[in-house]
C-alpha cells in the first residue's frame, strides 16, 4: 500500500513539473508570431466573397469590436480548475493502459506518429496546441482540416474510424486539461480558422470560458448541428455553468459516446457546404 502511495506521489511531482515546463510552448509563447491577434477581443464576422474560404466554409474575416470579459466566477474560475486537475490526473493514470494499447494499434495500422497537434481557440481566443490520437493516414495532406478534404473517408485508418466513432481520439486532451488549456466540460475548442464559429460564440460569451473535452452542444447534436445553433448551445452552457450542470453533461456524454451520436465524417464543414453555415 505504501509503495503505491509513493508511486502516486512521484507521479504527481513528475507530471506537475512537466506541466509547468510544457505550458508556455503549448500556448505559443515561444512563437509570438503564431499567437492570435484577436486574443482578449470581442469580434464580429465580416463576409467577403473575395477572401479564401475558411474552415467553416465561409469567406470573410474577423474584426474586433471591443474587449472580452473573461469568466471570474468562483466556480468557473477556481473550483472547476481544482476539479479538472484532480480528475485529469486520475484519468491519465487510470487510462494509461488504454493509451498504450491505442498507441500500439495506431503504429501497427499505419506506421508513423501516434499523436498530432492542432492549433485551437482557447479561453479569451488564446491559441493553444490541442492533442489527439492520429486517426488518419500519414499520407493525408497536413495543411487542410479534415472537413475541407475531398472524400475524407479515404484518409481515415481502420483504427481511426473506430476511435473517432467512440471519441477515443480525444483522450490525449486529458493532458490539455491537466496543464490548464482546457476543462472537462465546456464548448469544444474551435479550429484557429473557424472565424464564423468564433464570432457566433462571441454573441453569447462562449469564448470567455475554457473549451472542454465535451459540452452541452456535443450531447445535443455534435456534428449534426449548424454553427449558429452550436454557438447558441455553447452560450447556454456558459450561462448555466455549475457543478450540477457539469455533472449532467458528463453523465449524458457517456451515453452519447456509447451510441456514437452526431458523428459525421467531414464534420461541420460538410454541413456548412450544404446549409451555408446559417
Protein backbone atom coordinates (compact mmCIF):
# COMPACT_ATOMS: atom_id res chain seq x y z
CA UNK A 1 0.00 0.00 0.00
CA UNK A 2 2.78 2.42 0.94
CA UNK A 3 4.63 1.64 -2.29
CA UNK A 4 1.52 2.55 -4.27
CA UNK A 5 1.17 5.84 -2.38
CA UNK A 6 4.82 6.69 -3.01
CA UNK A 7 4.37 5.89 -6.69
CA UNK A 8 1.39 8.23 -6.97
CA UNK A 9 3.28 10.96 -5.11
CA UNK A 10 6.19 10.68 -7.53
CA UNK A 11 3.78 10.70 -10.48
CA UNK A 12 2.17 13.90 -9.22
CA UNK A 13 5.55 15.61 -8.87
CA UNK A 14 6.79 14.48 -12.31
CA UNK A 15 3.57 15.42 -14.12
CA UNK A 16 3.38 18.80 -12.37
CA UNK A 17 6.94 19.61 -13.42
CA UNK A 18 6.16 18.54 -16.99
CA UNK A 19 3.02 20.70 -16.99
CA UNK A 20 4.95 23.77 -15.83
CA UNK A 21 7.66 23.17 -18.44
CA UNK A 22 5.28 22.45 -21.33
CA UNK A 23 2.66 25.13 -20.62
CA UNK A 24 4.49 28.11 -22.27
CA UNK A 25 5.07 26.31 -25.57
CA UNK A 26 1.51 24.94 -25.56
CA UNK A 27 0.12 28.48 -25.96
CA UNK A 28 2.73 29.67 -28.47
CA UNK A 29 4.67 31.90 -26.09
CA UNK A 30 7.77 30.52 -27.80
CA UNK A 31 6.33 31.63 -31.17
CA UNK A 32 4.67 35.03 -30.67
CA UNK A 33 4.15 35.36 -34.43
CA UNK A 34 1.64 32.48 -34.22
CA UNK A 35 -0.41 33.97 -31.39
CA UNK A 36 -3.93 35.26 -32.03
CA UNK A 37 -4.13 38.98 -32.78
CA UNK A 38 -7.77 38.85 -31.62
CA UNK A 39 -6.92 37.44 -28.19
CA UNK A 40 -8.88 39.26 -25.49
CA UNK A 41 -11.14 40.97 -28.04
CA UNK A 42 -14.82 40.71 -28.88
CA UNK A 43 -15.21 40.06 -32.58
CA UNK A 44 -17.70 40.01 -35.42
CA UNK A 45 -17.51 38.14 -38.73
CA UNK A 46 -17.43 40.26 -41.88
CA UNK A 47 -18.31 38.35 -45.04
CA UNK A 48 -16.20 38.97 -48.13
CA UNK A 49 -16.53 36.72 -51.17
CA UNK A 50 -13.09 37.79 -52.40
CA UNK A 51 -11.30 36.17 -49.43
CA UNK A 52 -10.27 32.50 -49.15
CA UNK A 53 -12.74 30.01 -47.70
CA UNK A 54 -12.15 29.36 -44.01
CA UNK A 55 -12.67 26.14 -42.03
CA UNK A 56 -16.38 26.92 -41.64
CA UNK A 57 -16.87 27.01 -45.40
CA UNK A 58 -17.37 30.79 -45.22
CA UNK A 59 -15.47 33.66 -46.86
CA UNK A 60 -14.60 36.67 -44.75
CA UNK A 61 -12.61 37.77 -41.71
CA UNK A 62 -12.90 38.79 -38.07
CA UNK A 63 -12.95 42.37 -36.87
CA UNK A 64 -12.53 43.47 -33.24
CA UNK A 65 -15.50 45.34 -31.76
CA UNK A 66 -14.45 45.58 -28.09
CA UNK A 67 -12.80 43.73 -25.23
CA UNK A 68 -13.83 40.30 -23.95
CA UNK A 69 -14.94 39.68 -20.37
CA UNK A 70 -13.24 36.51 -19.03
CA UNK A 71 -15.07 34.36 -16.51
CA UNK A 72 -14.09 35.26 -12.93
CA UNK A 73 -16.84 33.42 -11.06
CA UNK A 74 -15.92 31.36 -8.01
CA UNK A 75 -16.96 28.09 -9.63
CA UNK A 76 -15.81 28.68 -13.20
CA UNK A 77 -12.61 30.45 -12.26
CA UNK A 78 -11.37 28.43 -9.25
CA UNK A 79 -13.40 25.43 -8.07
CA UNK A 80 -13.74 23.98 -11.55
CA UNK A 81 -9.98 24.23 -12.09
CA UNK A 82 -9.30 22.16 -8.96
CA UNK A 83 -11.79 19.52 -10.14
CA UNK A 84 -10.16 19.49 -13.56
CA UNK A 85 -6.68 18.93 -12.11
CA UNK A 86 -7.77 16.07 -9.85
CA UNK A 87 -9.91 14.28 -12.45
CA UNK A 88 -7.45 14.73 -15.32
CA UNK A 89 -4.58 13.37 -13.21
CA UNK A 90 -6.67 10.35 -12.24
CA UNK A 91 -7.69 9.90 -15.88
CA UNK A 92 -4.10 9.95 -17.11
CA UNK A 93 -3.08 7.34 -14.54
CA UNK A 94 -6.10 5.03 -14.83
CA UNK A 95 -6.30 5.20 -18.63
CA UNK A 96 -2.57 4.74 -19.20
CA UNK A 97 -3.10 1.08 -20.34
CA UNK A 98 -5.68 2.32 -22.87
CA UNK A 99 -3.22 4.94 -24.10
CA UNK A 100 -0.60 2.23 -24.59
CA UNK A 101 -2.94 -0.16 -26.44
CA UNK A 102 -4.24 2.56 -28.77
CA UNK A 103 -0.72 3.83 -29.43
CA UNK A 104 0.46 0.36 -30.48
CA UNK A 105 -2.65 -0.19 -32.61
CA UNK A 106 -2.15 3.12 -34.42
CA UNK A 107 1.52 2.35 -35.18
CA UNK A 108 0.71 -1.14 -36.47
CA UNK A 109 -2.22 0.04 -38.59
CA UNK A 110 -0.32 2.89 -40.24
CA UNK A 111 3.31 3.35 -39.10
CA UNK A 112 4.17 6.87 -38.04
CA UNK A 113 3.45 9.29 -35.23
CA UNK A 114 0.85 8.35 -32.62
CA UNK A 115 -0.24 11.87 -31.69
CA UNK A 116 -0.77 15.02 -33.68
CA UNK A 117 -1.44 18.59 -32.63
CA UNK A 118 -3.79 21.26 -33.92
CA UNK A 119 -3.92 24.99 -33.29
CA UNK A 120 -7.21 25.64 -31.49
CA UNK A 121 -9.00 28.60 -29.91
CA UNK A 122 -8.96 28.60 -26.12
CA UNK A 123 -10.30 30.89 -23.41
CA UNK A 124 -10.36 34.56 -24.50
CA UNK A 125 -9.36 33.35 -28.01
CA UNK A 126 -5.86 32.39 -26.93
CA UNK A 127 -4.44 29.83 -29.36
CA UNK A 128 -3.17 26.58 -27.87
CA UNK A 129 -1.89 23.23 -29.10
CA UNK A 130 -4.59 20.56 -28.82
CA UNK A 131 -3.53 16.90 -28.80
CA UNK A 132 -5.29 13.97 -30.45
CA UNK A 133 -4.57 10.38 -31.34
CA UNK A 134 -3.80 10.22 -35.06
CA UNK A 135 -6.78 8.73 -36.88
CA UNK A 136 -5.72 9.49 -40.45
CA UNK A 137 -3.02 8.11 -42.73
CA UNK A 138 0.42 9.68 -42.72
CA UNK A 139 -0.12 10.49 -46.41
CA UNK A 140 -3.05 12.82 -45.57
CA UNK A 141 -2.47 16.48 -46.59
CA UNK A 142 -1.38 18.29 -43.42
CA UNK A 143 -2.33 21.82 -44.42
CA UNK A 144 -6.10 21.31 -44.54
CA UNK A 145 -8.64 20.36 -41.82
CA UNK A 146 -10.50 17.07 -42.27
CA UNK A 147 -13.81 18.60 -43.30
CA UNK A 148 -12.17 20.53 -46.16
CA UNK A 149 -10.71 17.39 -47.76
CA UNK A 150 -12.42 15.79 -50.74
CA UNK A 151 -13.75 12.41 -49.62
CA UNK A 152 -12.05 12.44 -46.18
CA UNK A 153 -13.08 8.82 -45.57
CA UNK A 154 -10.28 7.64 -47.88
CA UNK A 155 -7.68 9.00 -45.46
CA UNK A 156 -9.11 7.54 -42.25
CA UNK A 157 -7.33 4.42 -40.97
CA UNK A 158 -9.11 1.33 -39.67
CA UNK A 159 -8.26 2.16 -36.09
CA UNK A 160 -9.05 5.80 -36.85
CA UNK A 161 -12.63 5.00 -37.78
CA UNK A 162 -13.12 3.10 -34.53
CA UNK A 163 -11.59 5.73 -32.24
CA UNK A 164 -13.48 8.56 -33.97
CA UNK A 165 -16.88 6.90 -33.57
CA UNK A 166 -16.19 6.30 -29.87
CA UNK A 167 -14.35 9.64 -29.38
CA UNK A 168 -11.21 7.83 -28.21
CA UNK A 169 -9.09 10.08 -30.43
CA UNK A 170 -9.88 12.87 -27.97
CA UNK A 171 -8.32 11.10 -24.95
CA UNK A 172 -4.92 12.89 -25.17
CA UNK A 173 -6.78 16.11 -24.42
CA UNK A 174 -6.87 14.96 -20.81
CA UNK A 175 -3.29 16.27 -20.79
CA UNK A 176 -4.51 19.61 -22.19
CA UNK A 177 -6.93 19.74 -19.27
CA UNK A 178 -4.21 18.92 -16.75
CA UNK A 179 -1.94 21.77 -17.89
CA UNK A 180 -4.83 24.23 -17.93
CA UNK A 181 -5.67 24.89 -21.59
CA UNK A 182 -8.99 23.05 -21.43
CA UNK A 183 -11.64 21.92 -18.99
CA UNK A 184 -13.53 18.64 -18.79
CA UNK A 185 -16.82 20.36 -19.65
CA UNK A 186 -17.10 23.37 -21.94
CA UNK A 187 -17.56 24.39 -25.60
CA UNK A 188 -15.47 22.25 -27.95
CA UNK A 189 -12.36 24.24 -28.98
CA UNK A 190 -12.70 25.73 -32.46
CA UNK A 191 -10.02 25.45 -35.11
CA UNK A 192 -7.92 28.61 -35.37
CA UNK A 193 -9.54 29.45 -38.72
CA UNK A 194 -13.16 28.78 -37.79
CA UNK A 195 -13.82 32.51 -37.81
CA UNK A 196 -17.57 32.26 -38.22
CA UNK A 197 -17.96 29.91 -35.25
CA UNK A 198 -15.70 32.14 -33.15
CA UNK A 199 -17.79 35.21 -33.95
CA UNK A 200 -21.08 33.39 -33.32
CA UNK A 201 -19.83 32.21 -29.92
CA UNK A 202 -18.90 35.78 -29.02
CA UNK A 203 -22.59 36.73 -29.31
CA UNK A 204 -23.23 34.53 -26.28
CA UNK A 205 -19.95 34.98 -24.37
CA UNK A 206 -18.96 31.35 -25.01
CA UNK A 207 -15.35 32.29 -25.81
CA UNK A 208 -14.92 33.75 -22.32
CA UNK A 209 -14.66 30.31 -20.69
CA UNK A 210 -12.28 27.42 -21.24
CA UNK A 211 -13.13 24.97 -24.01
CA UNK A 212 -13.96 21.44 -22.93
CA UNK A 213 -13.41 17.79 -23.74
CA UNK A 214 -17.17 17.58 -24.05
CA UNK A 215 -20.00 20.03 -23.65
CA UNK A 216 -23.68 20.87 -23.92
CA UNK A 217 -23.57 21.21 -27.71
CA UNK A 218 -21.75 17.87 -28.01
CA UNK A 219 -24.57 15.95 -26.36
CA UNK A 220 -27.26 17.87 -28.24
CA UNK A 221 -26.23 17.16 -31.80
CA UNK A 222 -22.45 17.40 -32.22
CA UNK A 223 -21.68 17.38 -35.99
CA UNK A 224 -25.41 17.38 -36.80
CA UNK A 225 -25.68 20.98 -35.58
CA UNK A 226 -25.46 24.07 -37.73
CA UNK A 227 -22.81 26.50 -36.49
CA UNK A 228 -25.28 29.13 -35.28
CA UNK A 229 -27.15 26.55 -33.18
CA UNK A 230 -23.91 25.08 -31.84
CA UNK A 231 -22.80 28.56 -30.71
CA UNK A 232 -26.18 29.19 -29.09
CA UNK A 233 -25.94 25.95 -27.10
CA UNK A 234 -22.38 26.85 -26.06
CA UNK A 235 -23.74 30.17 -24.80
CA UNK A 236 -26.49 28.36 -22.92
CA UNK A 237 -23.85 26.23 -21.23
CA UNK A 238 -21.87 29.34 -20.26
CA UNK A 239 -24.94 30.82 -18.58
CA UNK A 240 -25.79 27.58 -16.77
CA UNK A 241 -22.24 26.61 -15.80
CA UNK A 242 -22.29 24.98 -12.36
CA UNK A 243 -21.15 21.79 -10.66
CA UNK A 244 -24.60 20.24 -11.03
CA UNK A 245 -24.87 21.09 -14.73
CA UNK A 246 -21.33 19.83 -15.39
CA UNK A 247 -22.22 16.50 -13.77
CA UNK A 248 -25.27 16.27 -16.02
CA UNK A 249 -23.17 16.97 -19.14
CA UNK A 250 -20.57 14.40 -18.08
CA UNK A 251 -23.12 11.64 -17.49
CA UNK A 252 -25.02 12.35 -20.72
CA UNK A 253 -21.73 12.35 -22.63
CA UNK A 254 -21.09 8.75 -21.56
CA UNK A 255 -24.38 7.62 -23.10
CA UNK A 256 -23.92 9.82 -26.19
CA UNK A 257 -20.44 8.41 -26.89
CA UNK A 258 -21.65 4.85 -26.37
CA UNK A 259 -24.31 5.43 -29.04
CA UNK A 260 -21.94 7.32 -31.39
CA UNK A 261 -24.47 10.15 -31.65
CA UNK A 262 -23.94 13.00 -34.08
CA UNK A 263 -20.71 11.82 -35.69
CA UNK A 264 -20.41 12.88 -39.35
CA UNK A 265 -17.18 12.21 -41.23
CA UNK A 266 -16.27 15.58 -42.68
CA UNK A 267 -17.81 17.26 -39.69
CA UNK A 268 -19.35 20.71 -39.50
CA UNK A 269 -17.58 21.77 -42.66
CA UNK A 270 -19.67 19.27 -44.62
CA UNK A 271 -22.79 20.69 -43.01
CA UNK A 272 -21.65 24.21 -43.94
CA UNK A 273 -21.40 23.42 -47.60
CA UNK A 274 -24.92 22.04 -47.55
CA UNK A 275 -26.56 24.59 -45.26
CA UNK A 276 -24.13 27.54 -45.81
CA UNK A 277 -23.46 27.74 -42.09
CA UNK A 278 -26.57 29.79 -41.30
